[in-house]
Amino acid sequence: MDYFCTPSDSVTATKPLGPVRTCISCGTKFGISRLMRFAVNQEGVQFDLERVLPGRGAYVCKNDMCLKKAFAKNLFCRAFRTNVKFQTSMTAHINVCALKFGGIK
């Protein structure tokens, strides 16, 4: 398995404050402050900047490689346990929102 995030960054190295979630791309566990949340609704997958949208969530590391892998391998379908669609402007929306969220590394 390829790791885009180093094991020293994971929850095993430092105890996070708050809930711990797993990146759907690299499988590394982090506190939710280190991950981006996506939720699914009737319109498709939506980036959940505030982490308040209802329903099942999928988490991805805040780095470009994990995000690209999640889209390229369609890992959101597996995480949401259904076929999902993306809005055409999803990538641009994620990049803009991620700047507010702390940036994608």
N, C-alpha and C. Protein backbone atom coordinates (compact mmCIF):
# COMPACT_ATOMS: atom_id res chain seq x y z
N MET A 1 0.84 -1.18 0.00
CA MET A 1 0.00 0.00 0.00
C MET A 1 0.88 1.24 0.00
N ASP A 2 0.58 2.18 -0.84
CA ASP A 2 1.34 3.42 -0.89
C ASP A 2 0.79 4.39 0.15
N TYR A 3 1.68 4.96 0.93
CA TYR A 3 1.27 5.95 1.91
C TYR A 3 1.71 7.32 1.46
N PHE A 4 0.77 8.21 1.35
CA PHE A 4 1.08 9.59 0.97
C PHE A 4 1.32 10.42 2.21
N CYS A 5 0.87 9.93 3.34
CA CYS A 5 1.06 10.61 4.61
C CYS A 5 1.99 9.74 5.43
N THR A 6 2.92 10.35 6.09
CA THR A 6 3.89 9.57 6.83
C THR A 6 3.27 9.03 8.11
N PRO A 7 3.65 7.84 8.51
CA PRO A 7 3.11 7.27 9.74
C PRO A 7 3.36 8.14 10.96
N SER A 8 4.41 8.95 10.94
CA SER A 8 4.67 9.83 12.08
C SER A 8 3.62 10.93 12.20
N ASP A 9 2.86 11.18 11.10
CA ASP A 9 1.79 12.16 11.14
C ASP A 9 0.50 11.58 11.70
N SER A 10 0.43 10.27 11.79
CA SER A 10 -0.85 9.62 12.13
C SER A 10 -1.16 9.72 13.61
N VAL A 11 -2.34 9.23 13.94
CA VAL A 11 -2.83 9.29 15.30
C VAL A 11 -2.00 8.44 16.25
N THR A 12 -1.29 7.44 15.75
CA THR A 12 -0.47 6.61 16.62
C THR A 12 0.73 7.38 17.17
N ALA A 13 1.17 8.38 16.44
CA ALA A 13 2.33 9.15 16.89
C ALA A 13 1.96 10.21 17.91
N THR A 14 0.82 10.85 17.73
CA THR A 14 0.36 11.87 18.66
C THR A 14 -1.12 11.69 18.91
N LYS A 15 -1.53 11.91 20.12
CA LYS A 15 -2.94 11.74 20.46
C LYS A 15 -3.70 13.01 20.06
N PRO A 16 -4.68 12.89 19.14
CA PRO A 16 -5.41 14.07 18.69
C PRO A 16 -6.48 14.48 19.70
N LEU A 17 -6.89 15.71 19.59
CA LEU A 17 -8.01 16.19 20.37
C LEU A 17 -9.26 15.96 19.55
N GLY A 18 -10.20 15.22 20.07
CA GLY A 18 -11.45 15.00 19.36
C GLY A 18 -11.48 13.68 18.61
N PRO A 19 -12.50 13.53 17.75
CA PRO A 19 -12.70 12.27 17.03
C PRO A 19 -11.58 11.95 16.05
N VAL A 20 -11.39 10.67 15.81
CA VAL A 20 -10.39 10.18 14.87
C VAL A 20 -11.12 9.54 13.68
N ARG A 21 -10.67 9.86 12.47
CA ARG A 21 -11.25 9.30 11.26
C ARG A 21 -10.12 8.80 10.36
N THR A 22 -10.47 7.96 9.38
CA THR A 22 -9.50 7.36 8.47
C THR A 22 -9.64 7.96 7.08
N CYS A 23 -8.53 8.32 6.47
CA CYS A 23 -8.53 8.82 5.10
C CYS A 23 -8.90 7.68 4.16
N ILE A 24 -9.87 7.91 3.26
CA ILE A 24 -10.29 6.86 2.33
C ILE A 24 -9.24 6.58 1.27
N SER A 25 -8.27 7.45 1.15
CA SER A 25 -7.25 7.30 0.12
C SER A 25 -6.03 6.53 0.61
N CYS A 26 -5.43 6.97 1.70
CA CYS A 26 -4.20 6.34 2.17
C CYS A 26 -4.40 5.44 3.38
N GLY A 27 -5.55 5.53 4.04
CA GLY A 27 -5.84 4.67 5.17
C GLY A 27 -5.22 5.12 6.49
N THR A 28 -4.61 6.27 6.52
CA THR A 28 -3.99 6.78 7.73
C THR A 28 -5.05 7.41 8.62
N LYS A 29 -4.95 7.20 9.93
CA LYS A 29 -5.91 7.75 10.88
C LYS A 29 -5.42 9.10 11.40
N PHE A 30 -6.33 10.07 11.40
CA PHE A 30 -6.02 11.42 11.89
C PHE A 30 -7.19 11.94 12.70
N GLY A 31 -6.93 12.98 13.47
CA GLY A 31 -8.00 13.74 14.08
C GLY A 31 -8.74 14.48 12.97
N ILE A 32 -10.03 14.79 13.15
CA ILE A 32 -10.81 15.37 12.06
C ILE A 32 -10.30 16.73 11.61
N SER A 33 -9.54 17.41 12.44
CA SER A 33 -9.01 18.72 12.03
C SER A 33 -7.98 18.59 10.91
N ARG A 34 -7.41 17.40 10.73
CA ARG A 34 -6.40 17.18 9.69
C ARG A 34 -6.96 16.60 8.41
N LEU A 35 -8.30 16.44 8.35
CA LEU A 35 -8.95 15.81 7.20
C LEU A 35 -10.04 16.71 6.62
N MET A 36 -10.35 16.49 5.34
CA MET A 36 -11.48 17.16 4.69
C MET A 36 -12.65 16.19 4.67
N ARG A 37 -13.84 16.69 4.98
CA ARG A 37 -15.03 15.83 5.00
C ARG A 37 -15.86 16.05 3.75
N PHE A 38 -16.36 14.96 3.20
CA PHE A 38 -17.29 14.99 2.08
C PHE A 38 -18.55 14.27 2.51
N ALA A 39 -19.69 14.78 2.07
CA ALA A 39 -20.97 14.15 2.36
C ALA A 39 -21.72 13.95 1.05
N VAL A 40 -22.67 13.03 1.04
CA VAL A 40 -23.44 12.76 -0.16
C VAL A 40 -24.89 13.17 0.09
N ASN A 41 -25.49 13.80 -0.93
CA ASN A 41 -26.90 14.17 -0.88
C ASN A 41 -27.53 13.86 -2.24
N GLN A 42 -28.74 14.36 -2.48
CA GLN A 42 -29.44 14.06 -3.73
C GLN A 42 -28.68 14.56 -4.95
N GLU A 43 -27.91 15.61 -4.82
CA GLU A 43 -27.18 16.20 -5.94
C GLU A 43 -25.84 15.53 -6.19
N GLY A 44 -25.40 14.71 -5.27
CA GLY A 44 -24.11 14.05 -5.40
C GLY A 44 -23.21 14.33 -4.22
N VAL A 45 -21.93 14.17 -4.43
CA VAL A 45 -20.95 14.39 -3.36
C VAL A 45 -20.72 15.88 -3.18
N GLN A 46 -20.67 16.30 -1.93
CA GLN A 46 -20.48 17.71 -1.62
C GLN A 46 -19.36 17.85 -0.60
N PHE A 47 -18.51 18.83 -0.79
CA PHE A 47 -17.44 19.12 0.16
C PHE A 47 -18.08 19.77 1.38
N ASP A 48 -17.85 19.24 2.55
CA ASP A 48 -18.47 19.71 3.79
C ASP A 48 -17.46 20.51 4.61
N LEU A 49 -17.32 21.76 4.25
CA LEU A 49 -16.34 22.63 4.90
C LEU A 49 -16.59 22.76 6.40
N GLU A 50 -17.84 22.93 6.79
CA GLU A 50 -18.18 23.14 8.20
C GLU A 50 -18.37 21.84 8.97
N ARG A 51 -18.35 20.71 8.29
CA ARG A 51 -18.56 19.39 8.89
C ARG A 51 -19.92 19.29 9.59
N VAL A 52 -20.96 19.80 8.93
CA VAL A 52 -22.29 19.79 9.54
C VAL A 52 -23.36 19.13 8.67
N LEU A 53 -23.02 18.75 7.45
CA LEU A 53 -24.02 18.14 6.58
C LEU A 53 -24.44 16.78 7.12
N PRO A 54 -25.73 16.46 7.01
CA PRO A 54 -26.21 15.19 7.56
C PRO A 54 -25.76 14.00 6.71
N GLY A 55 -25.82 12.83 7.31
CA GLY A 55 -25.55 11.61 6.57
C GLY A 55 -24.11 11.14 6.69
N ARG A 56 -23.85 10.09 5.94
CA ARG A 56 -22.53 9.46 5.94
C ARG A 56 -21.48 10.43 5.41
N GLY A 57 -20.33 10.43 6.05
CA GLY A 57 -19.23 11.27 5.62
C GLY A 57 -18.04 10.44 5.19
N ALA A 58 -17.24 10.97 4.31
CA ALA A 58 -15.99 10.35 3.89
C ALA A 58 -14.89 11.37 4.09
N TYR A 59 -13.76 10.93 4.58
CA TYR A 59 -12.67 11.85 4.92
C TYR A 59 -11.45 11.59 4.05
N VAL A 60 -10.80 12.69 3.66
CA VAL A 60 -9.59 12.63 2.84
C VAL A 60 -8.56 13.57 3.45
N CYS A 61 -7.31 13.14 3.45
CA CYS A 61 -6.22 14.00 3.95
C CYS A 61 -6.19 15.32 3.21
N LYS A 62 -5.69 16.33 3.89
CA LYS A 62 -5.57 17.65 3.26
C LYS A 62 -4.28 17.73 2.46
N ASN A 63 -4.12 16.83 1.50
CA ASN A 63 -3.00 16.94 0.58
C ASN A 63 -3.46 16.54 -0.81
N ASP A 64 -2.80 17.09 -1.77
CA ASP A 64 -3.19 16.93 -3.17
C ASP A 64 -3.16 15.48 -3.64
N MET A 65 -2.17 14.72 -3.20
CA MET A 65 -2.02 13.33 -3.66
C MET A 65 -3.18 12.45 -3.20
N CYS A 66 -3.58 12.58 -1.95
CA CYS A 66 -4.70 11.77 -1.45
C CYS A 66 -6.00 12.16 -2.14
N LEU A 67 -6.19 13.44 -2.35
CA LEU A 67 -7.41 13.92 -3.00
C LEU A 67 -7.48 13.41 -4.44
N LYS A 68 -6.36 13.51 -5.17
CA LYS A 68 -6.34 13.02 -6.55
C LYS A 68 -6.58 11.51 -6.62
N LYS A 69 -5.99 10.76 -5.70
CA LYS A 69 -6.18 9.32 -5.69
C LYS A 69 -7.64 8.97 -5.40
N ALA A 70 -8.27 9.69 -4.48
CA ALA A 70 -9.67 9.43 -4.14
C ALA A 70 -10.57 9.64 -5.35
N PHE A 71 -10.31 10.68 -6.14
CA PHE A 71 -11.10 10.94 -7.34
C PHE A 71 -10.76 9.94 -8.45
N ALA A 72 -9.47 9.69 -8.66
CA ALA A 72 -9.03 8.82 -9.75
C ALA A 72 -9.52 7.38 -9.58
N LYS A 73 -9.49 6.88 -8.38
CA LYS A 73 -9.90 5.49 -8.14
C LYS A 73 -11.35 5.38 -7.69
N ASN A 74 -12.06 6.51 -7.72
CA ASN A 74 -13.47 6.56 -7.36
C ASN A 74 -13.72 5.95 -5.98
N LEU A 75 -12.89 6.31 -5.02
CA LEU A 75 -12.99 5.77 -3.68
C LEU A 75 -14.22 6.27 -2.93
N PHE A 76 -14.84 7.32 -3.43
CA PHE A 76 -16.05 7.83 -2.78
C PHE A 76 -17.20 6.85 -2.91
N CYS A 77 -17.28 6.13 -4.03
CA CYS A 77 -18.34 5.12 -4.20
C CYS A 77 -18.22 4.04 -3.13
N ARG A 78 -17.02 3.63 -2.86
CA ARG A 78 -16.82 2.61 -1.82
C ARG A 78 -17.15 3.17 -0.44
N ALA A 79 -16.70 4.38 -0.16
CA ALA A 79 -16.94 4.97 1.15
C ALA A 79 -18.43 5.22 1.41
N PHE A 80 -19.14 5.66 0.38
CA PHE A 80 -20.56 5.95 0.55
C PHE A 80 -21.45 4.74 0.27
N ARG A 81 -20.84 3.63 -0.15
CA ARG A 81 -21.55 2.38 -0.41
C ARG A 81 -22.65 2.53 -1.46
N THR A 82 -22.42 3.39 -2.42
CA THR A 82 -23.35 3.60 -3.53
C THR A 82 -22.64 4.31 -4.66
N ASN A 83 -23.22 4.28 -5.85
CA ASN A 83 -22.67 5.07 -6.95
C ASN A 83 -22.96 6.53 -6.69
N VAL A 84 -21.96 7.35 -6.81
CA VAL A 84 -22.12 8.78 -6.56
C VAL A 84 -21.66 9.56 -7.77
N LYS A 85 -22.19 10.76 -7.92
CA LYS A 85 -21.77 11.64 -9.01
C LYS A 85 -21.22 12.92 -8.41
N PHE A 86 -20.42 13.59 -9.21
CA PHE A 86 -19.79 14.83 -8.78
C PHE A 86 -20.28 15.97 -9.66
N GLN A 87 -20.42 17.11 -9.05
CA GLN A 87 -20.73 18.30 -9.83
C GLN A 87 -19.50 18.66 -10.64
N THR A 88 -19.69 19.27 -11.81
CA THR A 88 -18.56 19.57 -12.69
C THR A 88 -17.57 20.55 -12.05
N SER A 89 -18.06 21.39 -11.17
CA SER A 89 -17.19 22.39 -10.55
C SER A 89 -16.65 21.92 -9.20
N MET A 90 -16.75 20.63 -8.92
CA MET A 90 -16.35 20.11 -7.61
C MET A 90 -14.90 20.41 -7.28
N THR A 91 -13.98 20.17 -8.19
CA THR A 91 -12.57 20.39 -7.92
C THR A 91 -12.26 21.84 -7.61
N ALA A 92 -12.82 22.75 -8.39
CA ALA A 92 -12.62 24.18 -8.14
C ALA A 92 -13.20 24.58 -6.79
N HIS A 93 -14.37 24.05 -6.49
CA HIS A 93 -15.02 24.35 -5.21
C HIS A 93 -14.18 23.86 -4.04
N ILE A 94 -13.62 22.66 -4.16
CA ILE A 94 -12.78 22.11 -3.10
C ILE A 94 -11.56 22.99 -2.88
N ASN A 95 -10.90 23.39 -3.96
CA ASN A 95 -9.70 24.21 -3.84
C ASN A 95 -9.99 25.55 -3.18
N VAL A 96 -11.10 26.18 -3.52
CA VAL A 96 -11.46 27.47 -2.93
C VAL A 96 -11.79 27.29 -1.45
N CYS A 97 -12.61 26.29 -1.14
CA CYS A 97 -13.00 26.06 0.24
C CYS A 97 -11.82 25.60 1.09
N ALA A 98 -10.94 24.81 0.50
CA ALA A 98 -9.79 24.31 1.25
C ALA A 98 -8.86 25.44 1.67
N LEU A 99 -8.82 26.51 0.93
CA LEU A 99 -8.01 27.66 1.33
C LEU A 99 -8.52 28.21 2.65
N LYS A 100 -9.83 28.27 2.80
CA LYS A 100 -10.43 28.72 4.06
C LYS A 100 -10.19 27.69 5.16
N PHE A 101 -10.11 26.43 4.77
CA PHE A 101 -10.01 25.31 5.69
C PHE A 101 -8.59 25.10 6.19
N GLY A 102 -7.64 25.76 5.58
CA GLY A 102 -6.26 25.61 5.99
C GLY A 102 -5.34 25.22 4.86
N GLY A 103 -5.89 25.05 3.67
CA GLY A 103 -5.09 24.76 2.50
C GLY A 103 -4.83 23.30 2.26
N ILE A 104 -4.63 22.96 1.01
CA ILE A 104 -4.23 21.63 0.62
C ILE A 104 -2.74 21.65 0.40
N LYS A 105 -2.04 20.73 1.02
CA LYS A 105 -0.58 20.73 0.92
C LYS A 105 -0.12 19.92 -0.25
